[in-house]
Every structure is written in C-alpha cells, then in structure tokens.
Amino acid sequence: MATELEMWKRKHYVAGGGDPFLFYVVYGNIGASAPLSRTIYRSNGAPNGIDVMSYGPDKHADVPGSFRDGYLWNEFVADDPELSATVAQCDRCIILRGTPTDATTLNYL
C-alpha cells in the first residue's frame, strides 16, 4: 500500500484571496503517456483543474517555438546561454496550465 505524501501547508492561506493560476512550459522529448512515478517524483499526478498538453512535430508544431521570443526569452538567453541553446533545439514541449480546484495547500505544485 502506498504511503500518503506529506502535506505542503499554506500557513497564511485566506479564502477569497484569489485562485492560483499555473502555466509551465517544459521542453524535451517527454513521454506524456507514460505513468508518472509517485515514488520518484512525489506526485499523485496532475491535480484537478490542471491540464497537461503535449506539442511537437506531429501536433501543433508551431507551439514549442512560440515561447522562444520576446522579453522573457531574451532574458533567459542572457542569463543562461547554454541552457537556452539546448531549449532552442527542442521541437517538443509539454504545457501544464490551469487553476487547481484545491488551493488550500500547495500540494498542487
């Protein structure tokens, strides 16, 4: 039987303060259909309210490159040229986006 993950509490949470919105772009050849290891990643999977979408040459090929432009990309290139060069070569990405249905803890992270 799997043990429960440790609760990541929000000590200063106050209801009605607004809902969190998450938006992450993760580059690389990531197997989105593979099961997420609870033991390795300490995760129960994507929380309710968070969408996980995969893009690449076979599905909306323009999406991965669309985040490699503008102010944030330029700052990334200036701050970490080696990593940004690696990201620039990636033709696949996964996007995690949404508002978790339970924001009383930080477990959705």
Protein backbone atom coordinates (compact mmCIF):
# COMPACT_ATOMS: atom_id res chain seq x y z
CA MET A 1 0.00 0.00 0.00
CA ALA A 2 1.38 3.42 -0.97
CA THR A 3 2.03 5.89 1.79
CA GLU A 4 0.45 9.34 1.70
CA LEU A 5 2.55 12.24 0.53
CA GLU A 6 3.47 14.79 3.16
CA MET A 7 1.06 17.75 3.20
CA TRP A 8 2.58 21.01 1.95
CA LYS A 9 0.64 23.55 4.01
CA ARG A 10 -0.16 27.16 3.18
CA LYS A 11 0.32 28.77 6.58
CA HIS A 12 -1.09 32.13 5.52
CA TYR A 13 -3.96 30.93 3.33
CA VAL A 14 -7.10 33.09 3.49
CA ALA A 15 -10.17 32.13 1.50
CA GLY A 16 -11.30 34.67 -1.08
CA GLY A 17 -7.83 35.96 -1.87
CA GLY A 18 -7.94 34.78 -5.48
CA ASP A 19 -7.19 31.49 -7.16
CA PRO A 20 -3.71 30.45 -8.26
CA PHE A 21 -3.11 30.05 -11.98
CA LEU A 22 -0.28 27.79 -13.11
CA PHE A 23 1.40 27.91 -16.50
CA TYR A 24 4.55 25.88 -17.12
CA VAL A 25 6.25 25.03 -20.40
CA VAL A 26 8.60 22.04 -20.14
CA TYR A 27 10.83 21.36 -23.13
CA GLY A 28 12.17 17.99 -24.22
CA ASN A 29 11.10 14.63 -25.56
CA ILE A 30 8.83 13.74 -22.65
CA GLY A 31 6.60 10.67 -22.75
CA ALA A 32 3.28 12.21 -21.74
CA SER A 33 1.50 8.86 -21.95
CA ALA A 34 3.91 7.11 -19.55
CA PRO A 35 2.72 6.77 -15.96
CA LEU A 36 4.16 9.32 -13.53
CA SER A 37 6.21 7.59 -10.83
CA ARG A 38 4.80 8.57 -7.45
CA THR A 39 7.94 7.37 -5.68
CA ILE A 40 10.46 9.21 -7.87
CA TYR A 41 8.55 12.48 -8.30
CA ARG A 42 6.50 12.54 -5.06
CA SER A 43 3.37 13.22 -7.06
CA ASN A 44 -0.19 11.98 -7.20
CA GLY A 45 -0.35 13.09 -10.84
CA ALA A 46 -1.87 16.22 -12.31
CA PRO A 47 -4.30 17.77 -9.82
CA ASN A 48 -7.91 18.50 -10.71
CA GLY A 49 -8.11 21.73 -12.69
CA ILE A 50 -4.67 21.40 -14.30
CA ASP A 51 -4.45 20.43 -17.97
CA VAL A 52 -1.37 18.66 -19.33
CA MET A 53 -0.89 19.11 -23.08
CA SER A 54 1.88 17.78 -25.32
CA TYR A 55 3.05 19.53 -28.51
CA GLY A 56 5.63 18.68 -31.15
CA PRO A 57 6.21 17.98 -34.82
CA ASP A 58 3.13 15.77 -35.05
CA LYS A 59 0.75 18.02 -33.05
CA HIS A 60 0.72 21.82 -33.41
CA ALA A 61 4.38 22.04 -34.39
CA ASP A 62 4.39 25.83 -34.01
CA VAL A 63 3.67 25.78 -30.26
CA PRO A 64 7.15 24.88 -28.88
CA GLY A 65 8.79 27.73 -30.80
CA SER A 66 6.15 30.28 -29.82
CA PHE A 67 7.65 30.66 -26.34
CA ARG A 68 11.14 31.38 -27.66
CA ASP A 69 10.55 35.02 -28.47
CA GLY A 70 10.18 38.29 -26.61
CA TYR A 71 11.39 39.78 -23.37
CA LEU A 72 11.37 36.65 -21.18
CA TRP A 73 13.17 34.59 -23.82
CA ASN A 74 15.78 37.33 -24.27
CA GLU A 75 16.36 37.44 -20.50
CA PHE A 76 16.70 33.66 -20.42
CA VAL A 77 19.27 33.74 -23.25
CA ALA A 78 21.26 36.45 -21.46
CA ASP A 79 21.08 34.68 -18.10
CA ASP A 80 21.84 31.13 -19.25
CA PRO A 81 23.11 30.93 -22.83
CA GLU A 82 23.97 27.23 -22.61
CA LEU A 83 20.57 26.08 -21.34
CA SER A 84 18.68 28.42 -23.66
CA ALA A 85 20.65 26.98 -26.62
CA THR A 86 19.53 23.49 -25.56
CA VAL A 87 15.91 24.65 -25.28
CA ALA A 88 16.17 26.34 -28.68
CA GLN A 89 16.92 22.94 -30.24
CA CYS A 90 13.85 21.24 -28.72
CA ASP A 91 10.94 20.60 -31.04
CA ARG A 92 8.65 19.21 -28.31
CA CYS A 93 7.16 20.60 -25.13
CA ILE A 94 4.55 19.85 -22.51
CA ILE A 95 2.38 22.62 -21.11
CA LEU A 96 0.82 22.43 -17.67
CA ARG A 97 -1.92 25.02 -17.33
CA GLY A 98 -4.88 25.75 -15.13
CA THR A 99 -6.33 26.62 -11.77
CA PRO A 100 -6.17 23.85 -9.16
CA THR A 101 -9.54 23.11 -7.59
CA ASP A 102 -8.00 22.89 -4.10
CA ALA A 103 -5.79 25.87 -3.28
CA THR A 104 -5.89 25.44 0.49
CA THR A 105 -2.48 23.69 0.30
CA LEU A 106 0.46 23.87 -2.07
CA ASN A 107 0.18 20.16 -2.89
CA TYR A 108 -0.77 21.01 -6.49
CA LEU A 109 2.83 22.09 -7.08
